[in-house]
């Protein structure tokens, strides 16, 4: 029996009993008798480096799609519940004839989806506990876009994200 596994193209890989795992851009060696390290979600957002934060977003704990039609939530949950420090991916699908704008209070998130079939979305790590409303911005169809002081859009709450 060989002591080292070999790949004919790339040469030697690793010795039996050792698993090499690429986790968040760092090579970690784990003996088969040890437990895997704790999930990265246990790191509070305030202590994450930019690279750790981006790595968390690349593999979300919660993924949800919200579909909007005529400025209203037409598909998907109106309440999204996640755990603190979960990475969250929200995809916005727009079935309206107008562009749609969605805001998430408490996280400073603002996203847009183009008209009829346009997609948008946002990703974040839920570092703050609480209930955070999300809104659709609705433009006044009678507003003059060239006015010196245009009418600001109206924000209509369409759902909430609960971080436990």
N, C-alpha and C. Protein backbone atom coordinates (compact mmCIF):
# COMPACT_ATOMS: atom_id res chain seq x y z
N UNK A 1 0.83 -1.18 0.00
CA UNK A 1 0.00 0.00 0.00
C UNK A 1 0.87 1.24 0.00
N UNK A 2 0.48 2.23 -0.76
CA UNK A 2 1.25 3.46 -0.85
C UNK A 2 1.02 4.33 0.37
N UNK A 3 2.01 5.12 0.74
CA UNK A 3 1.89 6.04 1.86
C UNK A 3 1.29 7.39 1.42
N UNK A 4 1.40 7.68 0.15
CA UNK A 4 0.91 8.96 -0.35
C UNK A 4 0.04 8.69 -1.56
N UNK A 5 -1.15 9.30 -1.58
CA UNK A 5 -2.03 9.19 -2.74
C UNK A 5 -1.46 10.05 -3.85
N UNK A 6 -1.55 9.56 -5.07
CA UNK A 6 -0.99 10.31 -6.19
C UNK A 6 -2.06 10.56 -7.24
N UNK A 7 -1.94 11.70 -7.86
CA UNK A 7 -2.76 12.06 -9.01
C UNK A 7 -1.80 12.11 -10.19
N UNK A 8 -2.09 11.38 -11.27
CA UNK A 8 -1.15 11.33 -12.38
C UNK A 8 -0.91 12.70 -13.02
N UNK A 9 -1.85 13.61 -12.94
CA UNK A 9 -1.68 14.91 -13.56
C UNK A 9 -0.94 15.89 -12.67
N UNK A 10 -1.32 15.94 -11.39
CA UNK A 10 -0.77 16.96 -10.50
C UNK A 10 0.23 16.42 -9.48
N UNK A 11 0.48 15.15 -9.50
CA UNK A 11 1.45 14.59 -8.56
C UNK A 11 0.81 14.20 -7.24
N UNK A 12 1.55 14.32 -6.18
CA UNK A 12 1.11 13.87 -4.86
C UNK A 12 0.08 14.82 -4.27
N UNK A 13 -0.92 14.23 -3.60
CA UNK A 13 -1.97 15.03 -2.97
C UNK A 13 -1.74 15.15 -1.47
N UNK A 14 -1.98 14.06 -0.73
CA UNK A 14 -1.88 14.11 0.71
C UNK A 14 -1.77 12.70 1.26
N UNK A 15 -1.31 12.59 2.49
CA UNK A 15 -1.17 11.30 3.15
C UNK A 15 -2.53 10.82 3.65
N UNK A 16 -2.76 9.51 3.72
CA UNK A 16 -4.02 9.00 4.24
C UNK A 16 -4.27 9.47 5.67
N UNK A 17 -5.56 9.65 6.03
CA UNK A 17 -5.91 10.07 7.38
C UNK A 17 -5.92 11.56 7.58
N UNK A 18 -5.54 12.32 6.54
CA UNK A 18 -5.52 13.77 6.65
C UNK A 18 -6.35 14.33 5.51
N UNK A 19 -7.21 15.26 5.84
CA UNK A 19 -8.06 15.89 4.83
C UNK A 19 -7.64 17.34 4.71
N UNK A 20 -7.41 17.79 3.51
CA UNK A 20 -7.08 19.20 3.31
C UNK A 20 -8.34 19.89 2.83
N UNK A 21 -8.76 20.93 3.52
CA UNK A 21 -9.99 21.64 3.17
C UNK A 21 -9.66 23.10 2.94
N UNK A 22 -10.18 23.65 1.89
CA UNK A 22 -10.01 25.06 1.62
C UNK A 22 -11.21 25.78 2.20
N UNK A 23 -10.98 26.53 3.26
CA UNK A 23 -12.06 27.21 3.97
C UNK A 23 -11.72 28.68 4.08
N UNK A 24 -12.58 29.51 3.51
CA UNK A 24 -12.42 30.95 3.56
C UNK A 24 -11.02 31.36 3.13
N UNK A 25 -10.53 30.75 2.06
CA UNK A 25 -9.25 31.13 1.49
C UNK A 25 -8.05 30.66 2.30
N UNK A 26 -8.24 29.88 3.33
CA UNK A 26 -7.14 29.41 4.16
C UNK A 26 -7.14 27.88 4.12
N UNK A 27 -5.99 27.29 3.91
CA UNK A 27 -5.92 25.84 3.92
C UNK A 27 -5.86 25.38 5.36
N UNK A 28 -6.78 24.50 5.71
CA UNK A 28 -6.87 23.97 7.07
C UNK A 28 -6.64 22.47 7.00
N UNK A 29 -5.81 21.94 7.86
CA UNK A 29 -5.58 20.50 7.90
C UNK A 29 -6.28 19.95 9.13
N UNK A 30 -7.07 18.90 8.90
CA UNK A 30 -7.86 18.32 9.98
C UNK A 30 -7.52 16.84 10.05
N UNK A 31 -7.13 16.37 11.22
CA UNK A 31 -6.91 14.95 11.41
C UNK A 31 -8.27 14.28 11.47
N UNK A 32 -8.40 13.09 10.94
CA UNK A 32 -9.70 12.43 10.87
C UNK A 32 -10.28 12.10 12.25
N UNK A 33 -9.53 12.24 13.33
CA UNK A 33 -10.05 12.01 14.68
C UNK A 33 -10.56 13.28 15.33
N UNK A 34 -10.27 14.44 14.74
CA UNK A 34 -10.67 15.72 15.32
C UNK A 34 -11.98 16.18 14.70
N UNK A 35 -12.69 17.04 15.44
CA UNK A 35 -13.90 17.64 14.91
C UNK A 35 -13.51 18.82 14.03
N UNK A 36 -14.39 19.14 13.06
CA UNK A 36 -14.16 20.29 12.20
C UNK A 36 -14.25 21.56 13.04
N UNK A 37 -13.55 22.63 12.61
CA UNK A 37 -13.63 23.87 13.37
C UNK A 37 -15.04 24.45 13.32
N UNK A 38 -15.35 25.32 14.29
CA UNK A 38 -16.67 25.94 14.36
C UNK A 38 -16.95 26.72 13.10
N UNK A 39 -18.21 26.79 12.75
CA UNK A 39 -18.67 27.51 11.58
C UNK A 39 -18.30 28.99 11.70
N UNK A 40 -17.92 29.60 10.59
CA UNK A 40 -17.49 30.99 10.60
C UNK A 40 -18.58 31.94 11.08
N UNK A 41 -19.85 31.52 11.05
CA UNK A 41 -20.95 32.39 11.46
C UNK A 41 -20.86 32.76 12.93
N UNK A 42 -20.06 32.05 13.71
CA UNK A 42 -19.95 32.38 15.12
C UNK A 42 -19.10 33.63 15.36
N UNK A 43 -18.42 34.11 14.34
CA UNK A 43 -17.64 35.34 14.46
C UNK A 43 -18.60 36.51 14.33
N UNK A 44 -18.65 37.39 15.33
CA UNK A 44 -19.53 38.56 15.20
C UNK A 44 -19.10 39.42 14.01
N UNK A 45 -20.06 40.03 13.36
CA UNK A 45 -19.77 40.86 12.18
C UNK A 45 -18.75 41.93 12.51
N UNK A 46 -18.86 42.52 13.69
CA UNK A 46 -17.96 43.60 14.07
C UNK A 46 -16.50 43.15 14.16
N UNK A 47 -16.26 41.84 14.27
CA UNK A 47 -14.90 41.32 14.38
C UNK A 47 -14.40 40.69 13.09
N UNK A 48 -15.23 40.65 12.04
CA UNK A 48 -14.83 40.05 10.77
C UNK A 48 -13.96 41.01 9.97
N UNK A 49 -12.98 40.44 9.30
CA UNK A 49 -12.24 41.23 8.33
C UNK A 49 -13.10 41.34 7.07
N UNK A 50 -12.73 42.19 6.18
CA UNK A 50 -13.46 42.34 4.92
C UNK A 50 -13.48 41.02 4.15
N UNK A 51 -12.35 40.32 4.15
CA UNK A 51 -12.27 39.03 3.44
C UNK A 51 -13.18 37.99 4.09
N UNK A 52 -13.23 37.96 5.42
CA UNK A 52 -14.11 37.01 6.11
C UNK A 52 -15.58 37.33 5.80
N UNK A 53 -15.90 38.61 5.78
CA UNK A 53 -17.28 39.03 5.49
C UNK A 53 -17.66 38.60 4.07
N UNK A 54 -16.79 38.85 3.10
CA UNK A 54 -17.07 38.47 1.71
C UNK A 54 -17.18 36.95 1.57
N UNK A 55 -16.36 36.21 2.30
CA UNK A 55 -16.44 34.75 2.26
C UNK A 55 -17.77 34.26 2.81
N UNK A 56 -18.27 34.92 3.86
CA UNK A 56 -19.58 34.54 4.42
C UNK A 56 -20.68 34.77 3.40
N UNK A 57 -20.59 35.87 2.65
CA UNK A 57 -21.62 36.17 1.65
C UNK A 57 -21.60 35.18 0.50
N UNK A 58 -20.43 34.61 0.22
CA UNK A 58 -20.30 33.68 -0.90
C UNK A 58 -21.04 32.37 -0.65
N UNK A 59 -21.31 32.06 0.60
CA UNK A 59 -21.98 30.81 0.95
C UNK A 59 -23.10 31.12 1.95
N UNK A 60 -24.23 31.69 1.47
CA UNK A 60 -25.27 32.17 2.40
C UNK A 60 -25.94 31.07 3.21
N UNK A 61 -26.29 31.42 4.46
CA UNK A 61 -27.05 30.52 5.33
C UNK A 61 -28.52 30.54 4.96
N UNK A 62 -29.00 31.67 4.45
CA UNK A 62 -30.42 31.83 4.11
C UNK A 62 -30.50 32.49 2.74
N UNK A 63 -31.27 31.88 1.85
CA UNK A 63 -31.50 32.42 0.51
C UNK A 63 -33.00 32.51 0.29
N UNK A 64 -33.47 33.67 -0.14
CA UNK A 64 -34.89 33.89 -0.35
C UNK A 64 -35.08 34.71 -1.62
N UNK A 65 -36.15 34.41 -2.35
CA UNK A 65 -36.51 35.19 -3.52
C UNK A 65 -37.82 35.90 -3.24
N UNK A 66 -37.84 37.20 -3.51
CA UNK A 66 -39.04 38.02 -3.38
C UNK A 66 -39.44 38.49 -4.77
N UNK A 67 -40.70 38.26 -5.13
CA UNK A 67 -41.21 38.68 -6.44
C UNK A 67 -42.16 39.84 -6.23
N UNK A 68 -41.99 40.89 -7.02
CA UNK A 68 -42.83 42.08 -6.93
C UNK A 68 -43.57 42.31 -8.24
N UNK A 69 -44.82 42.74 -8.12
CA UNK A 69 -45.64 43.11 -9.27
C UNK A 69 -46.43 44.36 -8.89
N UNK A 70 -46.32 45.38 -9.71
CA UNK A 70 -47.04 46.64 -9.48
C UNK A 70 -46.80 47.21 -8.08
N UNK A 71 -45.55 47.17 -7.64
CA UNK A 71 -45.19 47.77 -6.37
C UNK A 71 -45.58 46.98 -5.14
N UNK A 72 -46.05 45.75 -5.33
CA UNK A 72 -46.48 44.93 -4.19
C UNK A 72 -45.74 43.60 -4.21
N UNK A 73 -45.62 43.03 -3.01
CA UNK A 73 -45.01 41.71 -2.88
C UNK A 73 -45.98 40.68 -3.45
N UNK A 74 -45.56 40.00 -4.52
CA UNK A 74 -46.43 39.03 -5.19
C UNK A 74 -46.00 37.59 -4.94
N UNK A 75 -44.81 37.39 -4.44
CA UNK A 75 -44.32 36.05 -4.17
C UNK A 75 -43.17 36.08 -3.20
N UNK A 76 -43.11 35.09 -2.34
CA UNK A 76 -42.07 35.03 -1.32
C UNK A 76 -42.65 35.44 0.02
N UNK A 77 -41.91 35.18 1.08
CA UNK A 77 -42.44 35.47 2.42
C UNK A 77 -42.41 36.96 2.75
N UNK A 78 -43.40 37.42 3.49
CA UNK A 78 -43.39 38.81 3.94
C UNK A 78 -42.56 38.95 5.22
N UNK A 79 -42.33 37.84 5.91
CA UNK A 79 -41.45 37.83 7.08
C UNK A 79 -40.35 36.80 6.84
N UNK A 80 -39.13 37.26 6.94
CA UNK A 80 -37.96 36.39 6.76
C UNK A 80 -37.25 36.33 8.11
N UNK A 81 -37.08 35.13 8.67
CA UNK A 81 -36.45 34.98 9.98
C UNK A 81 -35.08 34.33 9.80
N UNK A 82 -34.07 34.95 10.39
CA UNK A 82 -32.70 34.43 10.33
C UNK A 82 -32.09 34.53 11.72
N UNK A 83 -30.97 33.88 11.89
CA UNK A 83 -30.23 33.95 13.15
C UNK A 83 -29.17 35.04 13.06
N UNK A 84 -28.83 35.61 14.20
CA UNK A 84 -27.77 36.61 14.22
C UNK A 84 -26.50 36.00 13.65
N UNK A 85 -25.80 36.75 12.84
CA UNK A 85 -24.55 36.39 12.16
C UNK A 85 -24.74 35.44 10.99
N UNK A 86 -26.00 35.13 10.61
CA UNK A 86 -26.24 34.38 9.38
C UNK A 86 -25.91 35.27 8.19
N UNK A 87 -25.42 34.66 7.13
CA UNK A 87 -25.28 35.39 5.86
C UNK A 87 -26.57 35.17 5.09
N UNK A 88 -27.08 36.25 4.51
CA UNK A 88 -28.40 36.24 3.89
C UNK A 88 -28.29 36.73 2.45
N UNK A 89 -28.97 36.03 1.54
CA UNK A 89 -29.06 36.43 0.14
C UNK A 89 -30.53 36.60 -0.20
N UNK A 90 -30.91 37.80 -0.65
CA UNK A 90 -32.27 38.09 -1.07
C UNK A 90 -32.23 38.43 -2.55
N UNK A 91 -32.93 37.68 -3.37
CA UNK A 91 -33.06 37.98 -4.79
C UNK A 91 -34.39 38.68 -5.01
N UNK A 92 -34.36 39.77 -5.76
CA UNK A 92 -35.56 40.54 -6.09
C UNK A 92 -35.90 40.27 -7.55
N UNK A 93 -37.10 39.80 -7.80
CA UNK A 93 -37.59 39.60 -9.17
C UNK A 93 -38.71 40.61 -9.40
N UNK A 94 -38.63 41.34 -10.49
CA UNK A 94 -39.59 42.38 -10.79
C UNK A 94 -40.45 41.98 -11.97
N UNK A 95 -41.75 41.91 -11.77
CA UNK A 95 -42.69 41.60 -12.84
C UNK A 95 -43.50 42.85 -13.23
N UNK A 96 -43.08 44.01 -12.74
CA UNK A 96 -43.78 45.26 -13.03
C UNK A 96 -43.27 45.88 -14.32
N UNK A 97 -44.04 46.81 -14.84
CA UNK A 97 -43.60 47.52 -16.04
C UNK A 97 -42.65 48.66 -15.69
N UNK A 98 -42.54 48.98 -14.41
CA UNK A 98 -41.64 50.04 -13.93
C UNK A 98 -40.52 49.43 -13.10
N UNK A 99 -39.40 50.16 -13.06
CA UNK A 99 -38.30 49.76 -12.18
C UNK A 99 -38.80 49.75 -10.74
N UNK A 100 -38.25 48.84 -9.94
CA UNK A 100 -38.64 48.75 -8.54
C UNK A 100 -37.41 49.00 -7.67
N UNK A 101 -37.63 49.71 -6.56
CA UNK A 101 -36.56 50.01 -5.61
C UNK A 101 -36.97 49.45 -4.26
N UNK A 102 -36.05 48.71 -3.62
CA UNK A 102 -36.33 48.08 -2.33
C UNK A 102 -35.28 48.55 -1.32
N UNK A 103 -35.75 48.95 -0.14
CA UNK A 103 -34.87 49.40 0.94
C UNK A 103 -35.04 48.48 2.14
N UNK A 104 -33.93 48.20 2.84
CA UNK A 104 -33.96 47.45 4.10
C UNK A 104 -33.45 48.36 5.20
N UNK A 105 -34.36 48.79 6.08
CA UNK A 105 -33.99 49.67 7.18
C UNK A 105 -33.08 48.94 8.16
N UNK A 106 -32.22 49.70 8.81
CA UNK A 106 -31.34 49.16 9.84
C UNK A 106 -30.02 48.64 9.28
N UNK A 107 -29.97 48.37 8.00
CA UNK A 107 -28.74 47.88 7.37
C UNK A 107 -28.26 48.81 6.26
N UNK A 108 -29.04 49.86 5.97
CA UNK A 108 -28.64 50.81 4.95
C UNK A 108 -28.58 50.21 3.56
N UNK A 109 -29.45 49.25 3.28
CA UNK A 109 -29.43 48.56 1.99
C UNK A 109 -30.49 49.14 1.08
N UNK A 110 -30.10 49.44 -0.14
CA UNK A 110 -31.00 49.96 -1.17
C UNK A 110 -30.64 49.23 -2.47
N UNK A 111 -31.63 48.63 -3.11
CA UNK A 111 -31.37 47.92 -4.37
C UNK A 111 -32.47 48.21 -5.36
N UNK A 112 -32.18 47.96 -6.62
CA UNK A 112 -33.14 48.21 -7.70
C UNK A 112 -33.22 46.99 -8.61
N UNK A 113 -34.39 46.83 -9.24
CA UNK A 113 -34.56 45.77 -10.25
C UNK A 113 -35.26 46.42 -11.44
N UNK A 114 -34.71 46.22 -12.61
CA UNK A 114 -35.29 46.79 -13.83
C UNK A 114 -36.69 46.26 -14.07
N UNK A 115 -37.39 46.90 -14.99
CA UNK A 115 -38.78 46.51 -15.27
C UNK A 115 -38.89 45.16 -15.95
N UNK A 116 -40.06 44.55 -15.79
CA UNK A 116 -40.48 43.29 -16.41
C UNK A 116 -39.37 42.26 -16.57
N UNK A 117 -39.19 41.52 -15.53
CA UNK A 117 -38.24 40.41 -15.58
C UNK A 117 -36.86 40.78 -15.07
N UNK A 118 -36.66 42.03 -14.70
CA UNK A 118 -35.36 42.43 -14.17
C UNK A 118 -35.13 41.86 -12.79
N UNK A 119 -33.89 41.51 -12.53
CA UNK A 119 -33.54 40.97 -11.22
C UNK A 119 -32.63 41.94 -10.50
N UNK A 120 -32.71 41.94 -9.22
CA UNK A 120 -31.82 42.69 -8.35
C UNK A 120 -31.62 41.85 -7.11
N UNK A 121 -31.13 42.47 -6.08
CA UNK A 121 -30.99 41.73 -4.85
C UNK A 121 -29.92 42.31 -3.96
N UNK A 122 -29.75 41.69 -2.82
CA UNK A 122 -28.73 42.12 -1.89
C UNK A 122 -28.31 40.97 -1.00
N UNK A 123 -27.11 41.11 -0.47
CA UNK A 123 -26.51 40.14 0.44
C UNK A 123 -26.04 40.91 1.67
N UNK A 124 -26.17 40.29 2.82
CA UNK A 124 -25.64 40.91 4.03
C UNK A 124 -25.46 39.84 5.10
N UNK A 125 -24.67 40.16 6.12
CA UNK A 125 -24.53 39.31 7.29
C UNK A 125 -25.34 39.98 8.38
N UNK A 126 -26.28 39.23 8.96
CA UNK A 126 -27.23 39.76 9.94
C UNK A 126 -26.57 39.92 11.30
N UNK A 127 -25.83 40.98 11.47
CA UNK A 127 -25.08 41.19 12.70
C UNK A 127 -25.88 41.81 13.82
N UNK A 128 -27.00 42.45 13.50
CA UNK A 128 -27.81 43.12 14.51
C UNK A 128 -29.08 42.33 14.77
N UNK A 129 -29.41 42.09 16.04
CA UNK A 129 -30.68 41.45 16.37
C UNK A 129 -31.79 42.48 16.27
N UNK A 130 -32.98 42.02 15.93
CA UNK A 130 -34.12 42.92 15.88
C UNK A 130 -35.03 42.62 14.71
N UNK A 131 -36.02 43.49 14.53
CA UNK A 131 -36.96 43.38 13.42
C UNK A 131 -36.73 44.57 12.50
N UNK A 132 -36.46 44.28 11.23
CA UNK A 132 -36.08 45.30 10.27
C UNK A 132 -37.06 45.29 9.10
N UNK A 133 -37.80 46.38 8.91
CA UNK A 133 -38.76 46.43 7.82
C UNK A 133 -38.05 46.62 6.47
N UNK A 134 -38.65 46.03 5.43
CA UNK A 134 -38.19 46.37 4.08
C UNK A 134 -39.34 47.00 3.31
N UNK A 135 -38.97 47.95 2.45
CA UNK A 135 -39.92 48.82 1.78
C UNK A 135 -39.73 48.78 0.28
N UNK A 136 -40.81 49.11 -0.42
CA UNK A 136 -40.75 49.39 -1.85
C UNK A 136 -40.95 50.89 -1.98
N UNK A 137 -40.11 51.53 -2.78
CA UNK A 137 -40.28 52.95 -3.06
C UNK A 137 -41.21 53.09 -4.24
N UNK A 138 -42.24 53.91 -4.08
CA UNK A 138 -43.19 54.13 -5.16
C UNK A 138 -43.15 55.59 -5.58
N UNK A 139 -42.89 55.80 -6.86
CA UNK A 139 -42.86 57.15 -7.42
C UNK A 139 -44.28 57.63 -7.65
N UNK A 140 -44.48 58.93 -7.50
CA UNK A 140 -45.77 59.54 -7.83
C UNK A 140 -45.86 59.61 -9.35
N UNK A 141 -46.82 58.91 -9.97
CA UNK A 141 -46.89 58.90 -11.43
C UNK A 141 -47.19 60.28 -12.01
N UNK A 142 -47.71 61.19 -11.20
CA UNK A 142 -48.03 62.54 -11.69
C UNK A 142 -46.93 63.55 -11.38
N UNK A 143 -45.85 63.10 -10.74
CA UNK A 143 -44.77 64.02 -10.37
C UNK A 143 -44.00 64.46 -11.60
N UNK A 144 -43.58 65.71 -11.59
CA UNK A 144 -42.78 66.27 -12.67
C UNK A 144 -41.31 65.96 -12.37
N UNK A 145 -40.67 65.09 -13.16
CA UNK A 145 -39.28 64.72 -12.87
C UNK A 145 -38.31 65.89 -13.07
N UNK A 146 -38.77 66.96 -13.74
CA UNK A 146 -37.90 68.10 -14.00
C UNK A 146 -38.17 69.26 -13.05
N UNK A 147 -39.03 69.07 -12.07
CA UNK A 147 -39.36 70.12 -11.11
C UNK A 147 -38.14 70.44 -10.26
N UNK A 148 -38.06 71.68 -9.82
CA UNK A 148 -36.94 72.12 -8.98
C UNK A 148 -36.90 71.34 -7.67
N UNK A 149 -38.05 71.05 -7.12
CA UNK A 149 -38.15 70.26 -5.89
C UNK A 149 -39.08 69.07 -6.15
N UNK A 150 -38.53 68.02 -6.79
CA UNK A 150 -39.40 66.89 -7.13
C UNK A 150 -39.96 66.20 -5.88
N UNK A 151 -41.12 65.61 -6.05
CA UNK A 151 -41.77 64.88 -4.97
C UNK A 151 -40.96 63.62 -4.67
N UNK A 152 -40.54 63.42 -3.41
CA UNK A 152 -39.78 62.20 -3.10
C UNK A 152 -40.70 60.98 -3.20
N UNK A 153 -40.12 59.82 -3.46
CA UNK A 153 -40.94 58.61 -3.54
C UNK A 153 -41.55 58.26 -2.18
N UNK A 154 -42.65 57.57 -2.21
CA UNK A 154 -43.31 57.10 -1.01
C UNK A 154 -42.77 55.71 -0.70
N UNK A 155 -42.43 55.46 0.57
CA UNK A 155 -41.95 54.14 0.97
C UNK A 155 -43.13 53.38 1.56
N UNK A 156 -43.38 52.17 1.01
CA UNK A 156 -44.47 51.33 1.48
C UNK A 156 -43.85 50.04 2.04
N UNK A 157 -44.12 49.76 3.33
CA UNK A 157 -43.57 48.55 3.92
C UNK A 157 -44.26 47.33 3.33
N UNK A 158 -43.43 46.37 2.89
CA UNK A 158 -43.96 45.14 2.29
C UNK A 158 -43.56 43.89 3.08
N UNK A 159 -42.68 44.06 4.07
CA UNK A 159 -42.27 42.90 4.85
C UNK A 159 -41.25 43.25 5.91
N UNK A 160 -40.79 42.22 6.62
CA UNK A 160 -39.80 42.41 7.67
C UNK A 160 -38.79 41.26 7.66
N UNK A 161 -37.61 41.59 8.13
CA UNK A 161 -36.59 40.58 8.37
C UNK A 161 -36.38 40.56 9.88
N UNK A 162 -36.57 39.39 10.47
CA UNK A 162 -36.40 39.22 11.91
C UNK A 162 -35.07 38.51 12.14
N UNK A 163 -34.18 39.15 12.90
CA UNK A 163 -32.90 38.56 13.24
C UNK A 163 -32.94 38.17 14.71
N UNK A 164 -32.85 36.84 14.97
CA UNK A 164 -32.94 36.31 16.34
C UNK A 164 -31.57 36.21 16.97
